[in-house]
Each structure stands twice: as structure tokens, then as C-alpha cells.
Amino acid sequence: MHSRHFMQTPKRIAIVGSGLVGSLLAIYLRKAGHEVEVFDRRKDVRKVEFSGRSINLAMSNRGWKSLRAVGIEDEIKQIALPLDKRAMHVNDKPLYYQKYGKEEEAIFSISRGVLNRKMITLAEDAGAKFRFEEKVWDIDMAEAKLYSGESEEGEWKEYQFDLIFGADGAFSRVRHKMQRQSRFNYSQHFINVGYKELSIAANKDGSHKLDNASFHIWPRGEFMLIAMPNLDGSFTCTLFMPFEGENSFESIKTEKDADLFFQKHFPDINQEIENLKRDFFKNPTSSMVTIKCFPWSYWEKVTLVGDSAHAIVPFYGQGMNAGFEDILVLSQKMKEHGDNWERIFEEYQESRKPNTDAIAELSYRNFVEMSSKTADPDFLLRKKIENWFSNKHPDTWVPLYSRVTFSDKPYAEALAIGDYQRKIMDEVMEIPEIEKKWDSSEVENKILKLLDNKPVFSV
């Protein structure tokens, strides 16, 4: 039985923020017949060089599904490179690969700058109007009025809308206004690790210097480097490292410090040291924050989407995917409830909040895992057993990573099932001489027996 789809009365809608989620929202709202204006304090990113503060994006199932629903998946696929495995660069060991999932499963590497420019153009093509270099200083939430201008002291313009969406990122101006409301819950948590964008140039003939179907990781315990390929043959690299301490951003002060650091820890790419070093001193060191808040909506007129509602650390590659999924869920609620915006916003936030909390938790755990455990033999054996069992019993055991990345089942369900699987694996790892008999029928039967007592949710 199909649920009824309601047409909506066209509204005048403002979106604050022209990033990925704001641009996608603009496309959805235009296709639903609304008048859309997008405000951004920055210059039009299509006219400026990108800032060197980006981690390449990993588009996975949730993101593609949200693009497909609005008819732009194929256009975006043209600027993406599929990665079907991790390439692990562990010192004193040969390079080894870990497949992400089943044969056809891959995440897609996309440059944030390239994607953002494309999304803005697609939103303009759909009829959205963009107002760049217009900073929003204040919002009257009860009246859906927005005040913008070049400076806080200068003259402000007043705009009247029916609805306002805050898509203005982790340090959202729109959310800042909500934070002054009674009973608005808000928390922010910075991790003690920062990141810096570096790059590896293409070969002279434009080809990639490393395998371009892999997500490259150099796990080094306290810190790590990752690299993702771009269409032009280059790699965007991100160095994650503590702000202070022995191996930290603070400890690399001179060119000589940087030379020694890269030679010692990344010997397999030391022909790139000049590039890495140049970027190290040129690009800013950025911090990473988890932000949680609730409610996301006030007066049925102002609502948060994406990072402004739920910023997460980037270690599951799900920030953009979660933001895009917000827009898909929002549009489903619009179809279900027509002009009842109170109900649309209510059900949207009730549906998304537990899931964005879950992906925040998973992303934080993955940070701990990626930096310290990916080179740990016990951890690798554990993953090996999980993959082996999952291949034998694909309907019984879907690994957590696959559940998050290659499905669109709720994040909250992935977290609950992942916790349950972890308890089972803890018991399996206690089996005497597990490293010798990891692929034996004894281990298989033990897991099946433990799964027999499974809790109620579907595995």
C-alpha cells in the first residue's frame, strides 16, 4: 500500500549555508516547488581556490541514495573514484590490502571543492538563488525573519521568509540563536587530535603514484596519515596528529623537524617529502569536534540540518552521508504530511536524532580504532575471523562497517548490533590457541551457538 503523497503549497524558504547539505536541500526544495534563497558569508566557492582544509569525502550508500532520489546521482558519479579496499602502509611490513566488503562494494572518493562547486551549480540550475558574501547576523525565529549584512556594526537588510533552514555547519549561526532558548540542550566535545591537509602530486604523465582504487592509511599509533585519490592523478592526504606532545603539530617547528618526521614515519613516500613539507607549513591545522543538540526545530519555522545539528569526527567517512540522509528523510516527511510543517519537523528530528547520536559514537570509536589498533595483531585476527564467518554466513553476520557504509539501515541499529557482535567476538578471542584454529568448525559453531541467544532486533 502506498502512503499518500501530498502536494505542498509553495513557500519562501531561506537556507543559511551553501555547503554540501545546504546545496542538496536547495535542490530538493526547488523540485518540491518552493522558492529558495541560499545565504553564505563566504565568496562563491566556484570563483576561489579551495582553502586547503578539506578531508576528501567518501560517498557511500546513504549519500548516493539521497542524490538518486533527486535525480543527480549520475552527474556526481562522474567526479568520483571508486575505492574497494584499504591499503595499509605499516612500517617494516609489506603493503597489504583489506577489502571493504563484497565484490561490488566500494566507497567513492570525491574532492570536497569539486563536489561543492558542482552542487551549487545544480541548485542554481534547479532555480535556487544564491546570495554570497552575505553574512546572517540575526534571526527572528518566531517570524522567520533573517538579518544580513557585511558587518555586525554596518547596516543590516531584513528578509521575510516562511521557513528558515540552518545548514551552516558545526559553528552554526542559526543554532547559536537557538542556544538562547529555554530547554535547548547542547554539547560540544573536541578531541585532542587535529588534522592538516597535505598532497601527493600526480606523475608527470598524469597517472597516480599510488593505487587509485584504495583508501591509503599509514597507522602510526598516536597519529596517522590517510590519502585518497583525485581525478587529476593527485592524492589529497590528511595528517591526523595530537596538538601537543612527542609526535605532534607543536613538535614540528622547522623544515628540518618536518624532514626528519616524514623520513622516519613515512619512508615509502619520502620522494614526496618536499610537497608534504610545503603543505605542512602552508595549510592550517584544524580541530575536530562532535556537536549534539536538541531540539533541532523552533516555531515550526526554523530547523537545523547536517553539521549544524550533529557535527561528528570524520573517522567513519559518514559526515556528508549523514547530512545527505537528513535531507532524504526530511523530503519523505514533506511528501507524507504536505503543508503540516509542524509535523514534518517533529517527525524529522525524532527520526534523525537517535541515528545521528549513534554515528557520532561510532565515528569516535573508529578514531580510537584506526589510530591505535589497525596494526595490532589481535585486532587484525579478530577482523579476519569476522570476515571469514561473514562470508560463510552472509545472512547471519553483516560486519559493522558494512552495515554503516553499504546499507541504509538506521545507524542506531548498526550501533546496537555492532555492540552485540563485539561481545560475541570477545568470547571467541578467549578460545585457547585461537590464532591457530581461527577458521575451524569449532570457532564457527561457537559463534553460531552464541548467535542463537540473540536479542530481539534482526541480525
Protein backbone atom coordinates (compact mmCIF):
# COMPACT_ATOMS: atom_id res chain seq x y z
CA MET A 1 0.00 0.00 0.00
CA HIS A 2 1.40 3.41 -0.97
CA SER A 3 1.28 6.18 1.56
CA ARG A 4 -0.48 9.26 0.22
CA HIS A 5 1.75 11.91 -1.24
CA PHE A 6 0.61 15.46 -0.57
CA MET A 7 1.44 18.40 -2.76
CA GLN A 8 2.76 21.35 -0.80
CA THR A 9 1.78 24.99 -1.02
CA PRO A 10 4.89 26.82 -2.31
CA LYS A 11 6.77 28.64 0.46
CA ARG A 12 9.51 31.24 0.54
CA ILE A 13 12.43 29.41 2.13
CA ALA A 14 15.87 30.60 3.24
CA ILE A 15 18.81 28.26 3.64
CA VAL A 16 21.79 29.56 5.61
CA GLY A 17 24.97 27.90 4.28
CA SER A 18 25.87 26.91 0.71
CA GLY A 19 27.90 23.84 1.65
CA LEU A 20 27.07 20.31 0.51
CA VAL A 21 23.98 19.79 2.67
CA GLY A 22 22.61 23.29 2.05
CA SER A 23 23.01 22.90 -1.72
CA LEU A 24 21.34 19.48 -1.72
CA LEU A 25 18.46 20.83 0.38
CA ALA A 26 18.05 23.69 -2.13
CA ILE A 27 17.68 21.17 -4.98
CA TYR A 28 15.08 19.13 -3.06
CA LEU A 29 13.05 22.20 -2.09
CA ARG A 30 13.10 23.61 -5.62
CA LYS A 31 11.89 20.26 -7.02
CA ALA A 32 9.05 20.37 -4.47
CA GLY A 33 8.03 23.77 -5.89
CA HIS A 34 9.36 26.16 -3.23
CA GLU A 35 11.10 29.49 -3.72
CA VAL A 36 14.62 29.15 -2.34
CA GLU A 37 17.33 31.65 -1.36
CA VAL A 38 20.69 30.47 -0.04
CA PHE A 39 22.81 32.83 2.10
CA ASP A 40 26.54 32.37 2.61
CA ARG A 41 29.05 34.65 4.28
CA ARG A 42 31.83 33.27 2.05
CA LYS A 43 32.63 34.09 -1.54
CA ASP A 44 31.22 31.80 -4.23
CA VAL A 45 33.48 28.73 -3.99
CA ARG A 46 33.32 28.38 -7.77
CA LYS A 47 35.37 31.58 -8.04
CA VAL A 48 38.04 30.98 -5.39
CA GLU A 49 40.82 28.48 -4.96
CA PHE A 50 39.92 25.91 -2.30
CA SER A 51 41.36 26.58 1.11
CA GLY A 52 43.46 23.52 1.95
CA ARG A 53 41.20 22.50 4.83
CA SER A 54 39.44 19.54 3.36
CA ILE A 55 39.44 15.86 4.00
CA ASN A 56 38.44 14.17 0.77
CA LEU A 57 34.91 12.89 1.02
CA ALA A 58 33.89 9.24 0.98
CA MET A 59 30.47 8.92 -0.60
CA SER A 60 28.75 5.67 0.33
CA ASN A 61 25.25 4.13 0.03
CA ARG A 62 23.35 6.69 2.08
CA GLY A 63 24.79 9.62 0.13
CA TRP A 64 24.15 8.03 -3.26
CA LYS A 65 20.58 7.14 -2.28
CA SER A 66 19.88 10.78 -1.36
CA LEU A 67 21.33 12.01 -4.69
CA ARG A 68 19.46 9.34 -6.66
CA ALA A 69 16.11 10.38 -5.15
CA VAL A 70 16.52 13.85 -6.63
CA GLY A 71 17.97 12.69 -9.96
CA ILE A 72 21.61 13.83 -9.72
CA GLU A 73 23.45 10.61 -8.85
CA ASP A 74 24.84 10.01 -12.36
CA GLU A 75 26.23 13.52 -12.66
CA ILE A 76 28.04 13.23 -9.34
CA LYS A 77 29.40 9.72 -10.17
CA GLN A 78 31.38 11.35 -12.98
CA ILE A 79 33.53 13.26 -10.44
CA ALA A 80 34.04 10.28 -8.07
CA LEU A 81 36.59 7.46 -7.93
CA PRO A 82 35.52 4.06 -6.51
CA LEU A 83 37.72 2.62 -3.73
CA ASP A 84 37.05 -1.04 -2.93
CA LYS A 85 39.76 -1.57 -0.31
CA ARG A 86 42.10 -0.08 2.27
CA ALA A 87 45.83 -0.09 1.53
CA MET A 88 47.69 -0.42 4.84
CA HIS A 89 51.20 1.09 4.96
CA VAL A 90 52.72 -0.38 8.13
CA ASN A 91 56.44 0.26 8.67
CA ASP A 92 58.70 -2.82 8.24
CA LYS A 93 55.84 -4.77 6.65
CA PRO A 94 54.92 -5.16 3.01
CA LEU A 95 51.96 -3.09 1.83
CA TYR A 96 48.76 -5.07 2.36
CA TYR A 97 45.16 -4.60 1.30
CA GLN A 98 41.86 -5.11 3.15
CA LYS A 99 38.72 -5.35 1.01
CA TYR A 100 35.87 -3.17 2.28
CA GLY A 101 33.03 -5.51 1.59
CA LYS A 102 31.64 -7.84 -1.04
CA GLU A 103 32.87 -7.75 -4.63
CA GLU A 104 30.83 -4.80 -5.88
CA GLU A 105 31.03 -2.73 -2.68
CA ALA A 106 33.10 0.44 -2.74
CA ILE A 107 33.21 3.90 -1.24
CA PHE A 108 33.81 6.80 -3.62
CA SER A 109 36.50 9.43 -3.22
CA ILE A 110 35.35 12.94 -4.16
CA SER A 111 37.17 16.23 -3.70
CA ARG A 112 35.09 18.46 -1.44
CA GLY A 113 35.85 21.54 -3.54
CA VAL A 114 34.89 19.87 -6.82
CA LEU A 115 31.67 18.45 -5.32
CA ASN A 116 30.63 21.70 -3.62
CA ARG A 117 31.06 23.69 -6.84
CA LYS A 118 29.03 21.14 -8.77
CA MET A 119 26.21 21.05 -6.19
CA ILE A 120 25.85 24.84 -6.17
CA THR A 121 25.61 24.86 -9.97
CA LEU A 122 22.98 22.08 -9.90
CA ALA A 123 20.99 24.02 -7.28
CA GLU A 124 21.15 27.17 -9.42
CA ASP A 125 20.06 25.15 -12.46
CA ALA A 126 17.08 23.99 -10.40
CA GLY A 127 16.18 27.65 -9.75
CA ALA A 128 17.66 28.38 -6.32
CA LYS A 129 19.03 31.89 -5.77
CA PHE A 130 22.41 32.23 -4.01
CA ARG A 131 23.47 35.28 -2.01
CA PHE A 132 27.22 35.02 -1.43
CA GLU A 133 29.23 37.31 0.86
CA GLU A 134 26.07 37.99 2.85
CA LYS A 135 26.52 37.08 6.46
CA VAL A 136 23.46 36.33 8.54
CA TRP A 137 23.77 38.20 11.85
CA ASP A 138 20.42 37.57 13.44
CA ILE A 139 17.19 35.64 13.03
CA ASP A 140 13.73 36.30 14.39
CA MET A 141 12.70 32.68 14.80
CA ALA A 142 9.03 33.29 15.61
CA GLU A 143 8.60 35.46 12.49
CA ALA A 144 11.08 33.64 10.19
CA LYS A 145 12.90 36.91 9.54
CA LEU A 146 16.56 36.98 8.70
CA TYR A 147 19.00 39.90 9.06
CA SER A 148 22.16 40.01 6.97
CA GLY A 149 24.88 42.50 6.17
CA GLU A 150 28.57 42.93 5.55
CA SER A 151 29.48 43.67 9.16
CA GLU A 152 27.88 43.43 12.58
CA GLU A 153 28.10 47.21 13.03
CA GLY A 154 27.04 48.17 9.49
CA GLU A 155 23.57 48.26 8.02
CA TRP A 156 21.54 45.07 8.00
CA LYS A 157 18.95 44.02 5.48
CA GLU A 158 15.78 42.37 6.68
CA TYR A 159 14.34 39.47 4.74
CA GLN A 160 10.98 37.86 5.40
CA PHE A 161 10.57 34.09 4.78
CA ASP A 162 8.07 31.38 5.63
CA LEU A 163 10.77 28.91 6.72
CA ILE A 164 14.50 29.06 7.50
CA PHE A 165 16.95 26.13 7.45
CA GLY A 166 20.31 26.26 9.22
CA ALA A 167 22.83 24.37 7.08
CA ASP A 168 25.72 26.49 8.26
CA GLY A 169 27.97 23.85 9.75
CA ALA A 170 29.42 22.96 13.14
CA PHE A 171 29.65 26.58 14.30
CA SER A 172 26.18 27.45 13.04
CA ARG A 173 24.84 30.98 13.48
CA VAL A 174 21.29 29.62 13.32
CA ARG A 175 21.93 27.12 16.10
CA HIS A 176 23.67 29.83 18.13
CA LYS A 177 20.37 31.69 18.12
CA MET A 178 18.53 28.55 19.30
CA GLN A 179 21.02 28.10 22.15
CA ARG A 180 19.45 31.10 23.89
CA GLN A 181 16.10 29.36 24.11
CA SER A 182 14.97 27.76 27.33
CA ARG A 183 15.45 23.96 27.48
CA PHE A 184 17.70 23.78 24.44
CA ASN A 185 20.28 21.04 25.02
CA TYR A 186 23.72 21.48 23.55
CA SER A 187 27.15 19.90 23.93
CA GLN A 188 30.45 20.13 22.08
CA HIS A 189 33.43 17.87 22.52
CA PHE A 190 36.81 18.49 20.88
CA ILE A 191 39.26 15.61 20.52
CA ASN A 192 42.91 16.32 21.31
CA VAL A 193 43.90 15.47 17.74
CA GLY A 194 43.97 17.95 14.88
CA TYR A 195 44.34 17.50 11.15
CA LYS A 196 46.22 19.10 8.31
CA GLU A 197 45.72 18.68 4.60
CA LEU A 198 48.76 17.57 2.56
CA SER A 199 49.03 16.39 -1.03
CA ILE A 200 50.83 13.95 -3.29
CA ALA A 201 51.15 15.23 -6.85
CA ALA A 202 50.38 13.16 -9.96
CA ASN A 203 53.14 11.56 -12.02
CA LYS A 204 54.38 13.63 -14.97
CA ASP A 205 52.01 11.72 -17.29
CA GLY A 206 49.04 12.47 -15.03
CA SER A 207 48.81 8.97 -13.52
CA HIS A 208 48.54 8.24 -9.78
CA LYS A 209 51.69 7.43 -7.77
CA LEU A 210 49.80 5.00 -5.51
CA ASP A 211 46.99 2.54 -6.24
CA ASN A 212 43.97 4.69 -7.15
CA ALA A 213 41.30 2.16 -6.15
CA SER A 214 42.41 2.17 -2.50
CA PHE A 215 41.96 4.30 0.58
CA HIS A 216 45.57 4.56 1.84
CA ILE A 217 46.29 4.51 5.58
CA TRP A 218 49.59 4.87 7.42
CA PRO A 219 48.60 3.94 11.01
CA ARG A 220 51.25 5.06 13.49
CA GLY A 221 49.63 4.62 16.90
CA GLU A 222 49.26 8.14 18.22
CA PHE A 223 48.93 9.65 14.75
CA MET A 224 48.16 8.60 11.19
CA LEU A 225 48.19 9.71 7.59
CA ILE A 226 45.47 8.92 5.06
CA ALA A 227 45.39 9.52 1.30
CA MET A 228 42.51 9.49 -1.18
CA PRO A 229 42.84 9.77 -4.96
CA ASN A 230 41.58 12.64 -7.11
CA LEU A 231 40.57 12.53 -10.78
CA ASP A 232 43.63 14.58 -11.82
CA GLY A 233 46.12 11.93 -10.63
CA SER A 234 46.89 13.63 -7.32
CA PHE A 235 46.07 12.41 -3.80
CA THR A 236 44.57 14.52 -1.03
CA CYS A 237 46.27 13.44 2.19
CA THR A 238 45.26 14.20 5.74
CA LEU A 239 47.65 14.01 8.67
CA PHE A 240 45.84 13.39 11.97
CA MET A 241 48.04 14.11 14.97
CA PRO A 242 47.85 15.37 18.57
CA PHE A 243 48.16 19.13 19.01
CA GLU A 244 50.79 18.73 21.76
CA GLY A 245 53.23 16.04 22.85
CA GLU A 246 56.08 13.99 21.40
CA ASN A 247 54.79 13.47 17.85
CA SER A 248 52.50 16.45 17.49
CA PHE A 249 51.82 19.55 15.45
CA GLU A 250 53.51 21.55 18.17
CA SER A 251 56.69 19.44 17.95
CA ILE A 252 57.32 20.18 14.24
CA LYS A 253 58.58 23.75 14.19
CA THR A 254 61.22 23.89 11.47
CA GLU A 255 61.76 22.47 7.98
CA LYS A 256 64.39 20.16 9.47
CA ASP A 257 61.87 18.84 12.03
CA ALA A 258 59.44 18.13 9.19
CA ASP A 259 62.11 16.38 7.07
CA LEU A 260 63.05 14.08 9.93
CA PHE A 261 59.43 13.39 10.83
CA PHE A 262 58.35 12.40 7.31
CA GLN A 263 61.54 10.38 6.61
CA LYS A 264 61.21 8.42 9.82
CA HIS A 265 57.49 7.69 9.75
CA PHE A 266 56.60 7.59 6.04
CA PRO A 267 59.68 6.13 4.31
CA ASP A 268 57.62 4.64 1.46
CA ILE A 269 56.59 8.10 0.22
CA ASN A 270 59.72 10.05 1.00
CA GLN A 271 60.14 11.11 -2.64
CA GLU A 272 57.12 13.30 -1.79
CA ILE A 273 58.68 14.99 1.23
CA GLU A 274 59.15 18.38 -0.48
CA ASN A 275 55.43 18.50 -1.30
CA LEU A 276 54.35 17.24 2.11
CA LYS A 277 56.62 19.70 3.86
CA ARG A 278 55.44 22.67 1.77
CA ASP A 279 51.79 21.85 2.53
CA PHE A 280 52.60 21.26 6.20
CA PHE A 281 53.73 24.85 6.69
CA LYS A 282 51.24 26.39 4.24
CA ASN A 283 47.96 24.77 5.32
CA PRO A 284 46.20 25.45 8.63
CA THR A 285 45.91 22.91 11.45
CA SER A 286 42.22 22.30 12.06
CA SER A 287 40.40 20.89 15.07
CA MET A 288 37.67 18.24 15.18
CA VAL A 289 34.51 18.45 17.21
CA THR A 290 31.42 16.40 18.00
CA ILE A 291 28.33 18.54 18.44
CA LYS A 292 24.99 17.34 19.76
CA CYS A 293 21.88 19.37 20.35
CA PHE A 294 18.11 19.13 20.65
CA PRO A 295 15.52 20.21 19.61
CA TRP A 296 16.50 20.99 16.01
CA SER A 297 13.37 22.98 15.28
CA TYR A 298 11.54 26.05 16.69
CA TRP A 299 8.16 27.57 15.95
CA GLU A 300 7.67 25.19 13.00
CA LYS A 301 9.72 27.74 11.10
CA VAL A 302 13.41 27.25 11.78
CA THR A 303 15.18 23.88 11.51
CA LEU A 304 18.75 22.57 11.54
CA VAL A 305 20.22 20.10 9.05
CA GLY A 306 23.63 18.46 8.67
CA ASP A 307 26.60 19.52 10.81
CA SER A 308 24.70 22.38 12.44
CA ALA A 309 22.53 19.72 14.12
CA HIS A 310 25.09 16.95 14.56
CA ALA A 311 28.75 17.53 13.68
CA ILE A 312 30.87 14.36 14.03
CA VAL A 313 34.54 13.47 13.74
CA PRO A 314 35.46 12.20 10.26
CA PHE A 315 36.68 8.69 11.12
CA TYR A 316 33.79 6.75 9.63
CA GLY A 317 33.55 8.83 6.47
CA GLN A 318 29.88 9.46 7.28
CA GLY A 319 29.57 13.21 7.97
CA MET A 320 28.37 14.13 4.49
CA ASN A 321 26.42 10.88 4.11
CA ALA A 322 24.56 11.52 7.38
CA GLY A 323 23.80 15.11 6.32
CA PHE A 324 22.51 13.96 2.93
CA GLU A 325 20.38 11.33 4.66
CA ASP A 326 18.83 14.14 6.77
CA ILE A 327 17.58 15.76 3.56
CA LEU A 328 16.18 12.50 2.20
CA VAL A 329 14.27 11.85 5.44
CA LEU A 330 13.03 15.45 5.52
CA SER A 331 11.73 15.14 1.95
CA GLN A 332 9.95 11.87 2.79
CA LYS A 333 8.20 13.65 5.68
CA MET A 334 7.25 16.51 3.32
CA LYS A 335 5.60 14.02 0.98
CA GLU A 336 3.75 12.35 3.85
CA HIS A 337 2.47 15.46 5.61
CA GLY A 338 2.01 18.11 2.92
CA ASP A 339 1.58 21.55 4.49
CA ASN A 340 1.74 20.32 8.07
CA TRP A 341 5.27 21.65 8.70
CA GLU A 342 4.95 21.23 12.45
CA ARG A 343 4.55 17.50 11.97
CA ILE A 344 7.22 17.34 9.24
CA PHE A 345 9.84 18.93 11.51
CA GLU A 346 8.74 16.94 14.57
CA GLU A 347 9.00 13.57 12.83
CA TYR A 348 12.20 14.55 11.01
CA GLN A 349 14.06 15.35 14.24
CA GLU A 350 12.58 12.38 16.15
CA SER A 351 13.70 10.07 13.34
CA ARG A 352 17.19 11.53 12.88
CA LYS A 353 18.33 12.33 16.42
CA PRO A 354 18.96 8.74 17.68
CA ASN A 355 20.71 7.89 14.42
CA THR A 356 22.99 10.90 14.36
CA ASP A 357 23.88 10.25 18.02
CA ALA A 358 24.76 6.68 17.01
CA ILE A 359 27.01 7.68 14.12
CA ALA A 360 28.72 10.24 16.39
CA GLU A 361 29.55 7.41 18.82
CA LEU A 362 30.68 5.07 16.03
CA SER A 363 32.89 7.76 14.47
CA TYR A 364 34.56 8.49 17.77
CA ARG A 365 35.23 4.78 18.37
CA ASN A 366 36.63 4.43 14.88
CA PHE A 367 39.08 7.22 15.65
CA VAL A 368 40.43 5.16 18.56
CA GLU A 369 40.46 2.05 16.39
CA MET A 370 42.10 3.50 13.27
CA SER A 371 44.92 5.24 15.06
CA SER A 372 45.91 2.59 17.55
CA LYS A 373 44.54 -0.80 16.60
CA THR A 374 44.78 -1.22 12.83
CA ALA A 375 48.34 -2.54 13.16
CA ASP A 376 47.61 -4.67 16.26
CA PRO A 377 47.79 -8.46 15.53
CA ASP A 378 44.89 -9.33 17.86
CA PHE A 379 42.70 -6.74 16.22
CA LEU A 380 43.63 -7.96 12.73
CA LEU A 381 42.90 -11.58 13.70
CA ARG A 382 39.55 -10.50 15.07
CA LYS A 383 38.67 -8.78 11.79
CA LYS A 384 39.88 -11.82 9.85
CA ILE A 385 37.58 -14.15 11.83
CA GLU A 386 34.63 -11.78 11.38
CA ASN A 387 35.17 -11.61 7.62
CA TRP A 388 35.63 -15.35 7.33
CA PHE A 389 32.45 -16.05 9.33
CA SER A 390 30.52 -13.37 7.46
CA ASN A 391 31.50 -14.88 4.10
CA LYS A 392 30.26 -18.31 5.26
CA HIS A 393 27.07 -16.90 6.82
CA PRO A 394 26.28 -13.67 4.95
CA ASP A 395 22.67 -13.55 6.22
CA THR A 396 23.65 -14.09 9.83
CA TRP A 397 26.59 -11.73 10.22
CA VAL A 398 26.99 -8.39 8.48
CA PRO A 399 30.17 -6.66 9.72
CA LEU A 400 29.55 -3.30 11.42
CA TYR A 401 31.49 -1.34 8.80
CA SER A 402 29.35 -2.80 6.00
CA ARG A 403 26.17 -2.11 7.95
CA VAL A 404 27.12 1.56 8.29
CA THR A 405 28.68 2.08 4.87
CA PHE A 406 26.97 -0.26 2.42
CA SER A 407 23.41 -0.25 3.72
CA ASP A 408 20.80 2.35 4.55
CA LYS A 409 19.55 0.65 7.71
CA PRO A 410 19.42 3.05 10.68
CA TYR A 411 22.75 3.98 12.30
CA ALA A 412 21.22 3.28 15.73
CA GLU A 413 20.52 -0.31 14.69
CA ALA A 414 24.09 -0.67 13.36
CA LEU A 415 25.46 0.53 16.71
CA ALA A 416 23.27 -1.88 18.75
CA ILE A 417 24.08 -4.88 16.55
CA GLY A 418 27.75 -3.92 16.46
CA ASP A 419 27.89 -3.89 20.27
CA TYR A 420 26.28 -7.33 20.33
CA GLN A 421 28.74 -8.69 17.76
CA ARG A 422 31.63 -7.26 19.75
CA LYS A 423 30.56 -9.22 22.85
CA ILE A 424 30.46 -12.40 20.78
CA MET A 425 33.93 -11.71 19.35
CA ASP A 426 35.29 -11.05 22.86
CA GLU A 427 34.27 -14.61 23.78
CA VAL A 428 35.67 -16.06 20.55
CA MET A 429 39.04 -14.41 21.15
CA GLU A 430 39.20 -16.20 24.54
CA ILE A 431 39.29 -19.64 22.82
CA PRO A 432 42.68 -21.23 23.60
CA GLU A 433 45.12 -21.08 20.64
CA ILE A 434 42.61 -19.08 18.62
CA GLU A 435 45.35 -17.86 16.26
CA LYS A 436 45.93 -21.47 15.11
CA LYS A 437 42.31 -22.55 14.69
CA TRP A 438 40.59 -19.30 13.77
CA ASP A 439 38.97 -20.83 10.67
CA SER A 440 37.95 -24.15 12.25
CA SER A 441 34.47 -25.63 12.70
CA GLU A 442 34.97 -25.21 16.47
CA VAL A 443 35.06 -21.43 16.06
CA GLU A 444 32.20 -21.44 13.56
CA ASN A 445 29.99 -23.49 15.90
CA LYS A 446 30.85 -21.32 18.88
CA ILE A 447 29.73 -18.17 17.02
CA LEU A 448 26.54 -19.86 15.78
CA LYS A 449 25.74 -21.01 19.31
CA LEU A 450 26.29 -17.51 20.73
CA LEU A 451 24.10 -16.06 17.98
CA ASP A 452 21.32 -18.45 18.98
CA ASN A 453 20.79 -16.40 22.13
CA LYS A 454 20.50 -13.27 20.05
CA PRO A 455 18.47 -10.33 21.30
CA VAL A 456 15.24 -9.33 19.63
CA PHE A 457 16.44 -6.98 16.90
CA SER A 458 17.01 -8.52 13.49
CA VAL A 459 20.57 -9.53 12.72
